[in-house]
PDB file of N, CA and C in Angstrom:
ATOM      1  N   UNK A   1      -3.750 -20.690 -12.196  1.00  0.00           N
ATOM      2  CA  UNK A   1      -4.475 -19.439 -12.409  1.00  0.00           C
ATOM      3  C   UNK A   1      -5.147 -18.964 -11.111  1.00  0.00           C
ATOM      4  N   UNK A   2      -5.621 -19.890 -10.300  1.00  0.00           N
ATOM      5  CA  UNK A   2      -6.343 -19.531  -9.085  1.00  0.00           C
ATOM      6  C   UNK A   2      -5.491 -18.681  -8.144  1.00  0.00           C
ATOM      7  N   UNK A   3      -4.173 -18.951  -8.073  1.00  0.00           N
ATOM      8  CA  UNK A   3      -3.323 -18.164  -7.179  1.00  0.00           C
ATOM      9  C   UNK A   3      -3.108 -16.731  -7.669  1.00  0.00           C
ATOM     10  N   UNK A   4      -3.378 -16.449  -8.935  1.00  0.00           N
ATOM     11  CA  UNK A   4      -3.232 -15.106  -9.492  1.00  0.00           C
ATOM     12  C   UNK A   4      -4.517 -14.287  -9.418  1.00  0.00           C
ATOM     13  N   UNK A   5      -5.585 -14.897  -8.933  1.00  0.00           N
ATOM     14  CA  UNK A   5      -6.873 -14.203  -8.881  1.00  0.00           C
ATOM     15  C   UNK A   5      -6.809 -13.043  -7.887  1.00  0.00           C
ATOM     16  N   UNK A   6      -7.384 -11.930  -8.275  1.00  0.00           N
ATOM     17  CA  UNK A   6      -7.454 -10.759  -7.388  1.00  0.00           C
ATOM     18  C   UNK A   6      -8.576 -10.942  -6.380  1.00  0.00           C
ATOM     19  N   UNK A   7      -8.457 -10.238  -5.262  1.00  0.00           N
ATOM     20  CA  UNK A   7      -9.459 -10.278  -4.207  1.00  0.00           C
ATOM     21  C   UNK A   7      -9.972  -8.863  -3.991  1.00  0.00           C
ATOM     22  N   UNK A   8     -11.267  -8.724  -3.747  1.00  0.00           N
ATOM     23  CA  UNK A   8     -11.867  -7.397  -3.633  1.00  0.00           C
ATOM     24  C   UNK A   8     -13.114  -7.474  -2.756  1.00  0.00           C
ATOM     25  N   UNK A   9     -13.837  -6.354  -2.695  1.00  0.00           N
ATOM     26  CA  UNK A   9     -15.098  -6.279  -1.957  1.00  0.00           C
ATOM     27  C   UNK A   9     -16.041  -5.352  -2.706  1.00  0.00           C
ATOM     28  N   UNK A  10     -17.320  -5.446  -2.373  1.00  0.00           N
ATOM     29  CA  UNK A  10     -18.326  -4.587  -2.999  1.00  0.00           C
ATOM     30  C   UNK A  10     -18.458  -3.283  -2.233  1.00  0.00           C
ATOM     31  N   UNK A  11     -18.541  -2.184  -2.958  1.00  0.00           N
ATOM     32  CA  UNK A  11     -18.799  -0.856  -2.393  1.00  0.00           C
ATOM     33  C   UNK A  11     -20.257  -0.536  -2.707  1.00  0.00           C
ATOM     34  N   UNK A  12     -21.073  -0.453  -1.673  1.00  0.00           N
ATOM     35  CA  UNK A  12     -22.509  -0.260  -1.863  1.00  0.00           C
ATOM     36  C   UNK A  12     -22.863   1.207  -2.082  1.00  0.00           C
ATOM     37  N   UNK A  13     -23.799   1.423  -2.989  1.00  0.00           N
ATOM     38  CA  UNK A  13     -24.310   2.764  -3.270  1.00  0.00           C
ATOM     39  C   UNK A  13     -25.308   3.147  -2.182  1.00  0.00           C
ATOM     40  N   UNK A  14     -25.374   4.431  -1.863  1.00  0.00           N
ATOM     41  CA  UNK A  14     -26.302   4.913  -0.835  1.00  0.00           C
ATOM     42  C   UNK A  14     -27.222   5.970  -1.423  1.00  0.00           C
ATOM     43  N   UNK A  15     -28.384   6.106  -0.792  1.00  0.00           N
ATOM     44  CA  UNK A  15     -29.331   7.155  -1.153  1.00  0.00           C
ATOM     45  C   UNK A  15     -29.683   7.911   0.121  1.00  0.00           C
ATOM     46  N   UNK A  16     -29.569   9.228   0.059  1.00  0.00           N
ATOM     47  CA  UNK A  16     -29.916  10.056   1.210  1.00  0.00           C
ATOM     48  C   UNK A  16     -31.378   9.846   1.581  1.00  0.00           C
ATOM     49  N   UNK A  17     -31.625   9.648   2.887  1.00  0.00           N
ATOM     50  CA  UNK A  17     -32.992   9.415   3.370  1.00  0.00           C
ATOM     51  C   UNK A  17     -33.096   9.949   4.799  1.00  0.00           C
ATOM     52  N   UNK A  18     -33.553  11.182   4.962  1.00  0.00           N
ATOM     53  CA  UNK A  18     -33.636  11.782   6.294  1.00  0.00           C
ATOM     54  C   UNK A  18     -34.469  10.977   7.289  1.00  0.00           C
ATOM     55  N   UNK A  19     -35.427  10.193   6.792  1.00  0.00           N
ATOM     56  CA  UNK A  19     -36.266   9.399   7.688  1.00  0.00           C
ATOM     57  C   UNK A  19     -35.543   8.167   8.250  1.00  0.00           C
ATOM     58  N   UNK A  20     -34.388   7.831   7.690  1.00  0.00           N
ATOM     59  CA  UNK A  20     -33.616   6.693   8.163  1.00  0.00           C
ATOM     60  C   UNK A  20     -32.794   7.083   9.392  1.00  0.00           C
ATOM     61  N   UNK A  21     -32.519   6.128  10.253  1.00  0.00           N
ATOM     62  CA  UNK A  21     -31.734   6.389  11.465  1.00  0.00           C
ATOM     63  C   UNK A  21     -30.359   6.964  11.119  1.00  0.00           C
ATOM     64  N   UNK A  22     -29.687   6.393  10.113  1.00  0.00           N
ATOM     65  CA  UNK A  22     -28.354   6.871   9.720  1.00  0.00           C
ATOM     66  C   UNK A  22     -28.399   7.990   8.690  1.00  0.00           C
ATOM     67  N   UNK A  23     -29.584   8.304   8.172  1.00  0.00           N
ATOM     68  CA  UNK A  23     -29.716   9.372   7.194  1.00  0.00           C
ATOM     69  C   UNK A  23     -29.569   8.920   5.755  1.00  0.00           C
ATOM     70  N   UNK A  24     -29.427   7.612   5.536  1.00  0.00           N
ATOM     71  CA  UNK A  24     -29.320   7.084   4.177  1.00  0.00           C
ATOM     72  C   UNK A  24     -29.790   5.637   4.147  1.00  0.00           C
ATOM     73  N   UNK A  25     -30.107   5.161   2.936  1.00  0.00           N
ATOM     74  CA  UNK A  25     -30.425   3.760   2.684  1.00  0.00           C
ATOM     75  C   UNK A  25     -29.375   3.212   1.736  1.00  0.00           C
ATOM     76  N   UNK A  26     -29.060   1.941   1.870  1.00  0.00           N
ATOM     77  CA  UNK A  26     -28.196   1.276   0.891  1.00  0.00           C
ATOM     78  C   UNK A  26     -29.049   0.824  -0.283  1.00  0.00           C
ATOM     79  N   UNK A  27     -28.553   1.024  -1.486  1.00  0.00           N
ATOM     80  CA  UNK A  27     -29.225   0.590  -2.704  1.00  0.00           C
ATOM     81  C   UNK A  27     -28.669  -0.769  -3.127  1.00  0.00           C
ATOM     82  N   UNK A  28     -29.379  -1.511  -3.974  1.00  0.00           N
ATOM     83  CA  UNK A  28     -28.862  -2.815  -4.408  1.00  0.00           C
ATOM     84  C   UNK A  28     -27.634  -2.696  -5.313  1.00  0.00           C
ATOM     85  N   UNK A  29     -27.439  -1.549  -5.961  1.00  0.00           N
ATOM     86  CA  UNK A  29     -26.288  -1.380  -6.835  1.00  0.00           C
ATOM     87  C   UNK A  29     -25.007  -1.285  -6.002  1.00  0.00           C
ATOM     88  N   UNK A  30     -23.940  -1.875  -6.536  1.00  0.00           N
ATOM     89  CA  UNK A  30     -22.646  -1.790  -5.872  1.00  0.00           C
ATOM     90  C   UNK A  30     -21.541  -1.817  -6.921  1.00  0.00           C
ATOM     91  N   UNK A  31     -20.346  -1.374  -6.493  1.00  0.00           N
ATOM     92  CA  UNK A  31     -19.194  -1.291  -7.392  1.00  0.00           C
ATOM     93  C   UNK A  31     -18.061  -2.156  -6.864  1.00  0.00           C
ATOM     94  N   UNK A  32     -17.289  -2.701  -7.770  1.00  0.00           N
ATOM     95  CA  UNK A  32     -16.133  -3.526  -7.420  1.00  0.00           C
ATOM     96  C   UNK A  32     -15.004  -2.630  -6.901  1.00  0.00           C
ATOM     97  N   UNK A  33     -14.398  -2.992  -5.772  1.00  0.00           N
ATOM     98  CA  UNK A  33     -13.288  -2.201  -5.224  1.00  0.00           C
ATOM     99  C   UNK A  33     -12.025  -2.354  -6.060  1.00  0.00           C
ATOM    100  N   UNK A  34     -11.946  -3.356  -6.913  1.00  0.00           N
ATOM    101  CA  UNK A  34     -10.765  -3.571  -7.733  1.00  0.00           C
ATOM    102  C   UNK A  34     -10.827  -2.792  -9.048  1.00  0.00           C
ATOM    103  N   UNK A  35     -11.943  -2.911  -9.784  1.00  0.00           N
ATOM    104  CA  UNK A  35     -12.007  -2.300 -11.116  1.00  0.00           C
ATOM    105  C   UNK A  35     -13.039  -1.189 -11.235  1.00  0.00           C
ATOM    106  N   UNK A  36     -13.937  -1.066 -10.242  1.00  0.00           N
ATOM    107  CA  UNK A  36     -14.945  -0.014 -10.284  1.00  0.00           C
ATOM    108  C   UNK A  36     -16.198  -0.361 -11.063  1.00  0.00           C
ATOM    109  N   UNK A  37     -16.268  -1.568 -11.619  1.00  0.00           N
ATOM    110  CA  UNK A  37     -17.461  -1.962 -12.381  1.00  0.00           C
ATOM    111  C   UNK A  37     -18.681  -1.947 -11.476  1.00  0.00           C
ATOM    112  N   UNK A  38     -19.795  -1.449 -12.003  1.00  0.00           N
ATOM    113  CA  UNK A  38     -21.040  -1.391 -11.239  1.00  0.00           C
ATOM    114  C   UNK A  38     -21.937  -2.548 -11.639  1.00  0.00           C
ATOM    115  N   UNK A  39     -22.497  -3.212 -10.634  1.00  0.00           N
ATOM    116  CA  UNK A  39     -23.441  -4.309 -10.870  1.00  0.00           C
ATOM    117  C   UNK A  39     -24.723  -4.008 -10.108  1.00  0.00           C
ATOM    118  N   UNK A  40     -25.793  -4.702 -10.450  1.00  0.00           N
ATOM    119  CA  UNK A  40     -27.077  -4.396  -9.826  1.00  0.00           C
ATOM    120  C   UNK A  40     -27.312  -5.150  -8.523  1.00  0.00           C
ATOM    121  N   UNK A  41     -26.422  -6.057  -8.157  1.00  0.00           N
ATOM    122  CA  UNK A  41     -26.477  -6.734  -6.856  1.00  0.00           C
ATOM    123  C   UNK A  41     -25.170  -7.483  -6.635  1.00  0.00           C
ATOM    124  N   UNK A  42     -24.903  -7.838  -5.381  1.00  0.00           N
ATOM    125  CA  UNK A  42     -23.671  -8.545  -5.053  1.00  0.00           C
ATOM    126  C   UNK A  42     -23.593  -9.889  -5.758  1.00  0.00           C
ATOM    127  N   UNK A  43     -22.405 -10.221  -6.189  1.00  0.00           N
ATOM    128  CA  UNK A  43     -22.115 -11.529  -6.769  1.00  0.00           C
ATOM    129  C   UNK A  43     -20.837 -12.026  -6.078  1.00  0.00           C
ATOM    130  N   UNK A  44     -20.544 -13.305  -6.164  1.00  0.00           N
ATOM    131  CA  UNK A  44     -19.343 -13.837  -5.513  1.00  0.00           C
ATOM    132  C   UNK A  44     -18.063 -13.491  -6.270  1.00  0.00           C
ATOM    133  N   UNK A  45     -18.196 -13.167  -7.563  1.00  0.00           N
ATOM    134  CA  UNK A  45     -17.065 -12.799  -8.409  1.00  0.00           C
ATOM    135  C   UNK A  45     -17.476 -11.591  -9.244  1.00  0.00           C
ATOM    136  N   UNK A  46     -16.578 -10.626  -9.404  1.00  0.00           N
ATOM    137  CA  UNK A  46     -16.874  -9.478 -10.261  1.00  0.00           C
ATOM    138  C   UNK A  46     -16.960  -9.950 -11.711  1.00  0.00           C
ATOM    139  N   UNK A  47     -18.062  -9.665 -12.409  1.00  0.00           N
ATOM    140  CA  UNK A  47     -18.184 -10.107 -13.796  1.00  0.00           C
ATOM    141  C   UNK A  47     -17.253  -9.368 -14.754  1.00  0.00           C
ATOM    142  N   UNK A  48     -16.684  -8.247 -14.321  1.00  0.00           N
ATOM    143  CA  UNK A  48     -15.800  -7.473 -15.186  1.00  0.00           C
ATOM    144  C   UNK A  48     -14.343  -7.903 -15.074  1.00  0.00           C
ATOM    145  N   UNK A  49     -13.805  -7.962 -13.843  1.00  0.00           N
ATOM    146  CA  UNK A  49     -12.380  -8.267 -13.665  1.00  0.00           C
ATOM    147  C   UNK A  49     -12.123  -9.648 -13.057  1.00  0.00           C
ATOM    148  N   UNK A  50     -13.192 -10.365 -12.727  1.00  0.00           N
ATOM    149  CA  UNK A  50     -13.124 -11.716 -12.164  1.00  0.00           C
ATOM    150  C   UNK A  50     -12.482 -11.781 -10.780  1.00  0.00           C
ATOM    151  N   UNK A  51     -12.433 -10.642 -10.072  1.00  0.00           N
ATOM    152  CA  UNK A  51     -11.904 -10.642  -8.707  1.00  0.00           C
ATOM    153  C   UNK A  51     -12.859 -11.414  -7.799  1.00  0.00           C
ATOM    154  N   UNK A  52     -12.301 -12.178  -6.893  1.00  0.00           N
ATOM    155  CA  UNK A  52     -13.086 -12.926  -5.921  1.00  0.00           C
ATOM    156  C   UNK A  52     -13.495 -11.968  -4.807  1.00  0.00           C
ATOM    157  N   UNK A  53     -14.771 -11.884  -4.548  1.00  0.00           N
ATOM    158  CA  UNK A  53     -15.296 -10.927  -3.561  1.00  0.00           C
ATOM    159  C   UNK A  53     -15.291 -11.536  -2.162  1.00  0.00           C
ATOM    160  N   UNK A  54     -14.090 -11.694  -1.618  1.00  0.00           N
ATOM    161  CA  UNK A  54     -13.962 -12.314  -0.306  1.00  0.00           C
ATOM    162  C   UNK A  54     -13.332 -11.405   0.741  1.00  0.00           C
ATOM    163  N   UNK A  55     -13.061 -10.151   0.391  1.00  0.00           N
ATOM    164  CA  UNK A  55     -12.513  -9.208   1.364  1.00  0.00           C
ATOM    165  C   UNK A  55     -13.637  -8.463   2.065  1.00  0.00           C
ATOM    166  N   UNK A  56     -13.349  -8.010   3.275  1.00  0.00           N
ATOM    167  CA  UNK A  56     -14.329  -7.233   4.026  1.00  0.00           C
ATOM    168  C   UNK A  56     -14.116  -5.749   3.730  1.00  0.00           C
ATOM    169  N   UNK A  57     -15.200  -5.048   3.465  1.00  0.00           N
ATOM    170  CA  UNK A  57     -15.128  -3.613   3.187  1.00  0.00           C
ATOM    171  C   UNK A  57     -14.658  -2.869   4.438  1.00  0.00           C
ATOM    172  N   UNK A  58     -13.905  -1.780   4.269  1.00  0.00           N
ATOM    173  CA  UNK A  58     -13.501  -0.979   5.429  1.00  0.00           C
ATOM    174  C   UNK A  58     -14.718  -0.452   6.164  1.00  0.00           C
ATOM    175  N   UNK A  59     -14.614  -0.340   7.473  1.00  0.00           N
ATOM    176  CA  UNK A  59     -15.729   0.166   8.287  1.00  0.00           C
ATOM    177  C   UNK A  59     -15.895   1.656   8.046  1.00  0.00           C
ATOM    178  N   UNK A  60     -17.167   2.078   8.002  1.00  0.00           N
ATOM    179  CA  UNK A  60     -17.477   3.492   7.845  1.00  0.00           C
ATOM    180  C   UNK A  60     -17.441   4.165   9.196  1.00  0.00           C
ATOM    181  N   UNK A  61     -17.169   5.442   9.222  1.00  0.00           N
ATOM    182  CA  UNK A  61     -17.247   6.200  10.457  1.00  0.00           C
ATOM    183  C   UNK A  61     -18.707   6.323  10.872  1.00  0.00           C
ATOM    184  N   UNK A  62     -18.972   6.085  12.117  1.00  0.00           N
ATOM    185  CA  UNK A  62     -20.349   6.171  12.620  1.00  0.00           C
ATOM    186  C   UNK A  62     -20.700   7.596  12.962  1.00  0.00           C
TER     187      UNK A  62
END
C-alpha cells in the first residue's frame, strides 16, 4: 500500500496586509494540493486523502 500513496504539498492561505513587506501574511490554514481539503495547520499527511506531504510547493513570483 505504501508504494501507492500519493504525494502532495500544502498550499498556504494568505491575508492582504499593506503593512507587511510583501503585502500579505500567511495564515495557519492551508489546503492539500492533491484533494483541496482545508486544514487549520500543516500535518505530515492529509487527513482527507492520506497523501504524504513531502513535496515542495512551487516558488511564488517575487
